[in-house]
């Protein structure tokens, strides 16, 4: 799975702690909540409702534009791969 923020690499590295809590290197990053349209810092909402991570609040706020652009690029790549 690709990161929407960078277009490459895994979305995030998530591990379970000894007590069952979620531990990740991305817990201090910014995320865009698809349900509310708000930028969040850290893991405020369920993973299915957010995209990222992003390094800044400004980058996360541009997530809808970035999603459209990445989708367009991926669709073009798929067309070229099919021919």
PDB file of N, CA and C in Angstrom:
ATOM      1  N   UNK A   1       0.841  -1.173   0.000  1.00  0.00           N
ATOM      2  CA  UNK A   1       0.000   0.000   0.000  1.00  0.00           C
ATOM      3  C   UNK A   1       0.886   1.235   0.000  1.00  0.00           C
ATOM      4  N   UNK A   2       0.484   2.274  -0.726  1.00  0.00           N
ATOM      5  CA  UNK A   2       1.289   3.473  -0.850  1.00  0.00           C
ATOM      6  C   UNK A   2       0.792   4.580   0.053  1.00  0.00           C
ATOM      7  N   UNK A   3       1.707   5.411   0.464  1.00  0.00           N
ATOM      8  CA  UNK A   3       1.362   6.583   1.241  1.00  0.00           C
ATOM      9  C   UNK A   3       0.791   7.642   0.315  1.00  0.00           C
ATOM     10  N   UNK A   4      -0.311   8.232   0.668  1.00  0.00           N
ATOM     11  CA  UNK A   4      -0.866   9.309  -0.137  1.00  0.00           C
ATOM     12  C   UNK A   4      -0.025  10.565  -0.016  1.00  0.00           C
ATOM     13  N   UNK A   5       0.682  10.696   1.075  1.00  0.00           N
ATOM     14  CA  UNK A   5       1.503  11.878   1.275  1.00  0.00           C
ATOM     15  C   UNK A   5       2.709  11.888   0.348  1.00  0.00           C
ATOM     16  N   UNK A   6       3.350  10.744   0.167  1.00  0.00           N
ATOM     17  CA  UNK A   6       4.578  10.696  -0.617  1.00  0.00           C
ATOM     18  C   UNK A   6       4.425   9.962  -1.932  1.00  0.00           C
ATOM     19  N   UNK A   7       3.387   9.138  -2.067  1.00  0.00           N
ATOM     20  CA  UNK A   7       3.205   8.356  -3.272  1.00  0.00           C
ATOM     21  C   UNK A   7       4.082   7.123  -3.328  1.00  0.00           C
ATOM     22  N   UNK A   8       4.758   6.830  -2.230  1.00  0.00           N
ATOM     23  CA  UNK A   8       5.623   5.650  -2.194  1.00  0.00           C
ATOM     24  C   UNK A   8       5.737   5.161  -0.761  1.00  0.00           C
ATOM     25  N   UNK A   9       6.163   3.934  -0.610  1.00  0.00           N
ATOM     26  CA  UNK A   9       6.410   3.390   0.722  1.00  0.00           C
ATOM     27  C   UNK A   9       5.144   3.066   1.477  1.00  0.00           C
ATOM     28  N   UNK A  10       5.290   2.394   2.609  1.00  0.00           N
ATOM     29  CA  UNK A  10       4.117   2.024   3.403  1.00  0.00           C
ATOM     30  C   UNK A  10       3.465   3.242   4.035  1.00  0.00           C
ATOM     31  N   UNK A  11       2.172   3.142   4.268  1.00  0.00           N
ATOM     32  CA  UNK A  11       1.444   4.247   4.885  1.00  0.00           C
ATOM     33  C   UNK A  11       1.994   4.533   6.273  1.00  0.00           C
ATOM     34  N   UNK A  12       2.186   3.539   7.062  1.00  0.00           N
ATOM     35  CA  UNK A  12       2.805   3.725   8.371  1.00  0.00           C
ATOM     36  C   UNK A  12       3.222   2.377   8.924  1.00  0.00           C
ATOM     37  N   UNK A  13       4.133   2.427   9.883  1.00  0.00           N
ATOM     38  CA  UNK A  13       4.558   1.200  10.545  1.00  0.00           C
ATOM     39  C   UNK A  13       3.837   1.161  11.875  1.00  0.00           C
ATOM     40  N   UNK A  14       2.981   0.181  12.045  1.00  0.00           N
ATOM     41  CA  UNK A  14       2.191   0.082  13.265  1.00  0.00           C
ATOM     42  C   UNK A  14       2.542  -1.212  13.971  1.00  0.00           C
ATOM     43  N   UNK A  15       2.727  -1.110  15.280  1.00  0.00           N
ATOM     44  CA  UNK A  15       3.040  -2.276  16.099  1.00  0.00           C
ATOM     45  C   UNK A  15       2.186  -2.239  17.347  1.00  0.00           C
ATOM     46  N   UNK A  16       1.944  -3.396  17.915  1.00  0.00           N
ATOM     47  CA  UNK A  16       1.215  -3.466  19.177  1.00  0.00           C
ATOM     48  C   UNK A  16       2.218  -3.481  20.322  1.00  0.00           C
ATOM     49  N   UNK A  17       1.959  -2.667  21.322  1.00  0.00           N
ATOM     50  CA  UNK A  17       2.804  -2.656  22.499  1.00  0.00           C
ATOM     51  C   UNK A  17       2.506  -3.849  23.392  1.00  0.00           C
ATOM     52  N   UNK A  18       3.294  -4.020  24.421  1.00  0.00           N
ATOM     53  CA  UNK A  18       3.128  -5.143  25.353  1.00  0.00           C
ATOM     54  C   UNK A  18       1.733  -5.151  25.970  1.00  0.00           C
ATOM     55  N   UNK A  19       1.187  -3.974  26.237  1.00  0.00           N
ATOM     56  CA  UNK A  19      -0.137  -3.891  26.852  1.00  0.00           C
ATOM     57  C   UNK A  19      -1.265  -3.916  25.814  1.00  0.00           C
ATOM     58  N   UNK A  20      -0.923  -4.151  24.538  1.00  0.00           N
ATOM     59  CA  UNK A  20      -1.926  -4.203  23.480  1.00  0.00           C
ATOM     60  C   UNK A  20      -2.209  -2.863  22.835  1.00  0.00           C
ATOM     61  N   UNK A  21      -1.585  -1.792  23.339  1.00  0.00           N
ATOM     62  CA  UNK A  21      -1.799  -0.477  22.752  1.00  0.00           C
ATOM     63  C   UNK A  21      -1.073  -0.381  21.408  1.00  0.00           C
ATOM     64  N   UNK A  22      -1.533   0.524  20.577  1.00  0.00           N
ATOM     65  CA  UNK A  22      -0.923   0.720  19.269  1.00  0.00           C
ATOM     66  C   UNK A  22       0.253   1.684  19.416  1.00  0.00           C
ATOM     67  N   UNK A  23       1.382   1.272  18.853  1.00  0.00           N
ATOM     68  CA  UNK A  23       2.591   2.093  18.876  1.00  0.00           C
ATOM     69  C   UNK A  23       3.028   2.284  17.431  1.00  0.00           C
ATOM     70  N   UNK A  24       3.342   3.507  17.031  1.00  0.00           N
ATOM     71  CA  UNK A  24       3.760   3.766  15.661  1.00  0.00           C
ATOM     72  C   UNK A  24       4.727   4.922  15.608  1.00  0.00           C
ATOM     73  N   UNK A  25       5.580   4.893  14.607  1.00  0.00           N
ATOM     74  CA  UNK A  25       6.500   5.998  14.384  1.00  0.00           C
ATOM     75  C   UNK A  25       5.771   7.249  13.917  1.00  0.00           C
ATOM     76  N   UNK A  26       4.532   7.121  13.478  1.00  0.00           N
ATOM     77  CA  UNK A  26       3.788   8.230  12.891  1.00  0.00           C
ATOM     78  C   UNK A  26       2.791   8.872  13.852  1.00  0.00           C
ATOM     79  N   UNK A  27       2.880   8.566  15.125  1.00  0.00           N
ATOM     80  CA  UNK A  27       1.885   9.066  16.071  1.00  0.00           C
ATOM     81  C   UNK A  27       1.946  10.575  16.273  1.00  0.00           C
ATOM     82  N   UNK A  28       3.049  11.214  15.907  1.00  0.00           N
ATOM     83  CA  UNK A  28       3.146  12.666  16.058  1.00  0.00           C
ATOM     84  C   UNK A  28       2.980  13.401  14.735  1.00  0.00           C
ATOM     85  N   UNK A  29       2.558  12.688  13.697  1.00  0.00           N
ATOM     86  CA  UNK A  29       2.353  13.287  12.372  1.00  0.00           C
ATOM     87  C   UNK A  29       0.927  13.812  12.241  1.00  0.00           C
ATOM     88  N   UNK A  30       0.675  14.457  11.116  1.00  0.00           N
ATOM     89  CA  UNK A  30      -0.647  15.004  10.832  1.00  0.00           C
ATOM     90  C   UNK A  30      -1.396  14.081   9.875  1.00  0.00           C
ATOM     91  N   UNK A  31      -2.705  14.024  10.043  1.00  0.00           N
ATOM     92  CA  UNK A  31      -3.561  13.154   9.251  1.00  0.00           C
ATOM     93  C   UNK A  31      -4.766  13.965   8.792  1.00  0.00           C
ATOM     94  N   UNK A  32      -5.351  13.580   7.670  1.00  0.00           N
ATOM     95  CA  UNK A  32      -6.573  14.205   7.181  1.00  0.00           C
ATOM     96  C   UNK A  32      -7.725  13.235   7.418  1.00  0.00           C
ATOM     97  N   UNK A  33      -8.737  13.696   8.119  1.00  0.00           N
ATOM     98  CA  UNK A  33      -9.893  12.864   8.421  1.00  0.00           C
ATOM     99  C   UNK A  33     -10.886  12.980   7.265  1.00  0.00           C
ATOM    100  N   UNK A  34     -11.092  11.866   6.558  1.00  0.00           N
ATOM    101  CA  UNK A  34     -11.980  11.846   5.402  1.00  0.00           C
ATOM    102  C   UNK A  34     -13.444  12.052   5.777  1.00  0.00           C
ATOM    103  N   UNK A  35     -13.805  11.653   6.964  1.00  0.00           N
ATOM    104  CA  UNK A  35     -15.197  11.757   7.418  1.00  0.00           C
ATOM    105  C   UNK A  35     -15.559  13.192   7.807  1.00  0.00           C
ATOM    106  N   UNK A  36     -14.656  13.854   8.534  1.00  0.00           N
ATOM    107  CA  UNK A  36     -14.951  15.200   9.036  1.00  0.00           C
ATOM    108  C   UNK A  36     -14.354  16.312   8.179  1.00  0.00           C
ATOM    109  N   UNK A  37     -13.357  15.985   7.357  1.00  0.00           N
ATOM    110  CA  UNK A  37     -12.674  17.002   6.570  1.00  0.00           C
ATOM    111  C   UNK A  37     -11.705  17.842   7.387  1.00  0.00           C
ATOM    112  N   UNK A  38     -11.366  17.362   8.567  1.00  0.00           N
ATOM    113  CA  UNK A  38     -10.480  18.093   9.472  1.00  0.00           C
ATOM    114  C   UNK A  38      -9.086  17.475   9.506  1.00  0.00           C
ATOM    115  N   UNK A  39      -8.084  18.304   9.806  1.00  0.00           N
ATOM    116  CA  UNK A  39      -6.716  17.828  10.013  1.00  0.00           C
ATOM    117  C   UNK A  39      -6.579  17.453  11.479  1.00  0.00           C
ATOM    118  N   UNK A  40      -5.925  16.328  11.730  1.00  0.00           N
ATOM    119  CA  UNK A  40      -5.714  15.846  13.097  1.00  0.00           C
ATOM    120  C   UNK A  40      -4.227  15.600  13.317  1.00  0.00           C
ATOM    121  N   UNK A  41      -3.799  15.695  14.544  1.00  0.00           N
ATOM    122  CA  UNK A  41      -2.427  15.345  14.887  1.00  0.00           C
ATOM    123  C   UNK A  41      -2.466  14.068  15.705  1.00  0.00           C
ATOM    124  N   UNK A  42      -1.698  13.089  15.259  1.00  0.00           N
ATOM    125  CA  UNK A  42      -1.687  11.810  15.958  1.00  0.00           C
ATOM    126  C   UNK A  42      -2.871  10.950  15.555  1.00  0.00           C
ATOM    127  N   UNK A  43      -3.099   9.926  16.345  1.00  0.00           N
ATOM    128  CA  UNK A  43      -4.132   8.945  16.024  1.00  0.00           C
ATOM    129  C   UNK A  43      -5.432   9.266  16.751  1.00  0.00           C
ATOM    130  N   UNK A  44      -6.089  10.360  16.348  1.00  0.00           N
ATOM    131  CA  UNK A  44      -7.329  10.777  16.999  1.00  0.00           C
ATOM    132  C   UNK A  44      -8.542   9.974  16.541  1.00  0.00           C
ATOM    133  N   UNK A  45      -8.537   9.552  15.280  1.00  0.00           N
ATOM    134  CA  UNK A  45      -9.707   8.861  14.727  1.00  0.00           C
ATOM    135  C   UNK A  45      -9.309   7.484  14.202  1.00  0.00           C
ATOM    136  N   UNK A  46     -10.299   6.635  13.915  1.00  0.00           N
ATOM    137  CA  UNK A  46      -9.995   5.299  13.396  1.00  0.00           C
ATOM    138  C   UNK A  46      -9.229   5.380  12.065  1.00  0.00           C
ATOM    139  N   UNK A  47      -8.377   4.412  11.836  1.00  0.00           N
ATOM    140  CA  UNK A  47      -7.532   4.391  10.646  1.00  0.00           C
ATOM    141  C   UNK A  47      -8.347   4.417   9.352  1.00  0.00           C
ATOM    142  N   UNK A  48      -9.534   3.841   9.345  1.00  0.00           N
ATOM    143  CA  UNK A  48     -10.352   3.823   8.127  1.00  0.00           C
ATOM    144  C   UNK A  48     -10.872   5.209   7.753  1.00  0.00           C
ATOM    145  N   UNK A  49     -10.835   6.151   8.691  1.00  0.00           N
ATOM    146  CA  UNK A  49     -11.354   7.495   8.450  1.00  0.00           C
ATOM    147  C   UNK A  49     -10.270   8.515   8.106  1.00  0.00           C
ATOM    148  N   UNK A  50      -8.993   8.107   8.102  1.00  0.00           N
ATOM    149  CA  UNK A  50      -7.943   9.103   7.895  1.00  0.00           C
ATOM    150  C   UNK A  50      -6.908   8.656   6.877  1.00  0.00           C
ATOM    151  N   UNK A  51      -6.261   9.660   6.250  1.00  0.00           N
ATOM    152  CA  UNK A  51      -5.171   9.419   5.315  1.00  0.00           C
ATOM    153  C   UNK A  51      -3.950  10.212   5.765  1.00  0.00           C
ATOM    154  N   UNK A  52      -2.794   9.699   5.399  1.00  0.00           N
ATOM    155  CA  UNK A  52      -1.535  10.336   5.766  1.00  0.00           C
ATOM    156  C   UNK A  52      -0.507   9.268   6.009  1.00  0.00           C
ATOM    157  N   UNK A  53       0.525   9.540   6.689  1.00  0.00           N
ATOM    158  CA  UNK A  53       0.775  10.743   7.475  1.00  0.00           C
ATOM    159  C   UNK A  53       1.398  11.866   6.644  1.00  0.00           C
ATOM    160  N   UNK A  54       1.288  13.075   7.179  1.00  0.00           N
ATOM    161  CA  UNK A  54       1.883  14.262   6.601  1.00  0.00           C
ATOM    162  C   UNK A  54       2.781  14.906   7.654  1.00  0.00           C
ATOM    163  N   UNK A  55       3.807  15.605   7.192  1.00  0.00           N
ATOM    164  CA  UNK A  55       4.747  16.236   8.115  1.00  0.00           C
ATOM    165  C   UNK A  55       4.234  17.540   8.704  1.00  0.00           C
ATOM    166  N   UNK A  56       3.279  18.178   8.026  1.00  0.00           N
ATOM    167  CA  UNK A  56       2.769  19.453   8.536  1.00  0.00           C
ATOM    168  C   UNK A  56       1.249  19.502   8.420  1.00  0.00           C
ATOM    169  N   UNK A  57       0.676  20.402   9.169  1.00  0.00           N
ATOM    170  CA  UNK A  57      -0.776  20.613   9.128  1.00  0.00           C
ATOM    171  C   UNK A  57      -1.191  21.121   7.746  1.00  0.00           C
ATOM    172  N   UNK A  58      -0.356  21.974   7.152  1.00  0.00           N
ATOM    173  CA  UNK A  58      -0.647  22.532   5.831  1.00  0.00           C
ATOM    174  C   UNK A  58      -0.699  21.436   4.762  1.00  0.00           C
ATOM    175  N   UNK A  59       0.252  20.503   4.815  1.00  0.00           N
ATOM    176  CA  UNK A  59       0.257  19.397   3.857  1.00  0.00           C
ATOM    177  C   UNK A  59      -0.986  18.534   4.026  1.00  0.00           C
ATOM    178  N   UNK A  60      -1.347  18.241   5.262  1.00  0.00           N
ATOM    179  CA  UNK A  60      -2.523  17.409   5.526  1.00  0.00           C
ATOM    180  C   UNK A  60      -3.795  18.078   5.023  1.00  0.00           C
ATOM    181  N   UNK A  61      -3.874  19.394   5.128  1.00  0.00           N
ATOM    182  CA  UNK A  61      -5.051  20.125   4.674  1.00  0.00           C
ATOM    183  C   UNK A  61      -5.238  20.010   3.162  1.00  0.00           C
ATOM    184  N   UNK A  62      -4.166  19.742   2.443  1.00  0.00           N
ATOM    185  CA  UNK A  62      -4.226  19.594   0.988  1.00  0.00           C
ATOM    186  C   UNK A  62      -4.490  18.152   0.553  1.00  0.00           C
ATOM    187  N   UNK A  63      -4.807  17.278   1.485  1.00  0.00           N
ATOM    188  CA  UNK A  63      -5.006  15.853   1.184  1.00  0.00           C
ATOM    189  C   UNK A  63      -6.034  15.594   0.085  1.00  0.00           C
ATOM    190  N   UNK A  64      -7.195  16.255   0.078  1.00  0.00           N
ATOM    191  CA  UNK A  64      -8.158  15.969  -0.991  1.00  0.00           C
ATOM    192  C   UNK A  64      -7.575  16.225  -2.390  1.00  0.00           C
ATOM    193  N   UNK A  65      -6.834  17.321  -2.542  1.00  0.00           N
ATOM    194  CA  UNK A  65      -6.191  17.617  -3.823  1.00  0.00           C
ATOM    195  C   UNK A  65      -5.163  16.546  -4.172  1.00  0.00           C
ATOM    196  N   UNK A  66      -4.391  16.164  -3.177  1.00  0.00           N
ATOM    197  CA  UNK A  66      -3.347  15.164  -3.380  1.00  0.00           C
ATOM    198  C   UNK A  66      -3.948  13.803  -3.749  1.00  0.00           C
ATOM    199  N   UNK A  67      -5.041  13.448  -3.113  1.00  0.00           N
ATOM    200  CA  UNK A  67      -5.715  12.182  -3.418  1.00  0.00           C
ATOM    201  C   UNK A  67      -6.183  12.175  -4.868  1.00  0.00           C
ATOM    202  N   UNK A  68      -6.789  13.280  -5.304  1.00  0.00           N
ATOM    203  CA  UNK A  68      -7.238  13.361  -6.703  1.00  0.00           C
ATOM    204  C   UNK A  68      -6.058  13.235  -7.665  1.00  0.00           C
ATOM    205  N   UNK A  69      -4.958  13.922  -7.382  1.00  0.00           N
ATOM    206  CA  UNK A  69      -3.785  13.882  -8.256  1.00  0.00           C
ATOM    207  C   UNK A  69      -3.161  12.490  -8.295  1.00  0.00           C
ATOM    208  N   UNK A  70      -2.994  11.870  -7.130  1.00  0.00           N
ATOM    209  CA  UNK A  70      -2.415  10.520  -7.087  1.00  0.00           C
ATOM    210  C   UNK A  70      -3.313   9.530  -7.819  1.00  0.00           C
ATOM    211  N   UNK A  71      -4.617   9.643  -7.657  1.00  0.00           N
ATOM    212  CA  UNK A  71      -5.558   8.745  -8.341  1.00  0.00           C
ATOM    213  C   UNK A  71      -5.443   8.909  -9.853  1.00  0.00           C
ATOM    214  N   UNK A  72      -5.337  10.159 -10.303  1.00  0.00           N
ATOM    215  CA  UNK A  72      -5.178  10.421 -11.738  1.00  0.00           C
ATOM    216  C   UNK A  72      -3.881   9.798 -12.251  1.00  0.00           C
ATOM    217  N   UNK A  73      -2.785   9.976 -11.501  1.00  0.00           N
ATOM    218  CA  UNK A  73      -1.496   9.411 -11.906  1.00  0.00           C
ATOM    219  C   UNK A  73      -1.547   7.885 -11.946  1.00  0.00           C
ATOM    220  N   UNK A  74      -2.149   7.284 -10.922  1.00  0.00           N
ATOM    221  CA  UNK A  74      -2.239   5.818 -10.877  1.00  0.00           C
ATOM    222  C   UNK A  74      -3.081   5.288 -12.033  1.00  0.00           C
ATOM    223  N   UNK A  75      -4.165   5.981 -12.369  1.00  0.00           N
ATOM    224  CA  UNK A  75      -5.012   5.563 -13.484  1.00  0.00           C
ATOM    225  C   UNK A  75      -4.238   5.643 -14.801  1.00  0.00           C
ATOM    226  N   UNK A  76      -3.468   6.709 -14.981  1.00  0.00           N
ATOM    227  CA  UNK A  76      -2.643   6.836 -16.189  1.00  0.00           C
ATOM    228  C   UNK A  76      -1.603   5.721 -16.249  1.00  0.00           C
ATOM    229  N   UNK A  77      -0.982   5.429 -15.119  1.00  0.00           N
ATOM    230  CA  UNK A  77       0.015   4.343 -15.071  1.00  0.00           C
ATOM    231  C   UNK A  77      -0.625   3.010 -15.445  1.00  0.00           C
ATOM    232  N   UNK A  78      -1.839   2.770 -14.959  1.00  0.00           N
ATOM    233  CA  UNK A  78      -2.539   1.519 -15.265  1.00  0.00           C
ATOM    234  C   UNK A  78      -2.818   1.400 -16.762  1.00  0.00           C
ATOM    235  N   UNK A  79      -3.204   2.509 -17.395  1.00  0.00           N
ATOM    236  CA  UNK A  79      -3.488   2.500 -18.830  1.00  0.00           C
ATOM    237  C   UNK A  79      -2.214   2.154 -19.597  1.00  0.00           C
ATOM    238  N   UNK A  80      -1.089   2.755 -19.209  1.00  0.00           N
ATOM    239  CA  UNK A  80       0.181   2.503 -19.892  1.00  0.00           C
ATOM    240  C   UNK A  80       0.660   1.072 -19.678  1.00  0.00           C
ATOM    241  N   UNK A  81       0.425   0.518 -18.505  1.00  0.00           N
ATOM    242  CA  UNK A  81       0.835  -0.857 -18.211  1.00  0.00           C
ATOM    243  C   UNK A  81       0.009  -1.877 -18.997  1.00  0.00           C
ATOM    244  N   UNK A  82      -1.235  -1.531 -19.305  1.00  0.00           N
ATOM    245  CA  UNK A  82      -2.122  -2.445 -20.037  1.00  0.00           C
ATOM    246  C   UNK A  82      -1.792  -2.506 -21.519  1.00  0.00           C
ATOM    247  N   UNK A  83      -1.001  -1.578 -22.019  1.00  0.00           N
ATOM    248  CA  UNK A  83      -0.697  -1.553 -23.465  1.00  0.00           C
ATOM    249  C   UNK A  83       0.709  -1.980 -23.736  1.00  0.00           C
TER     250      UNK A  83
END
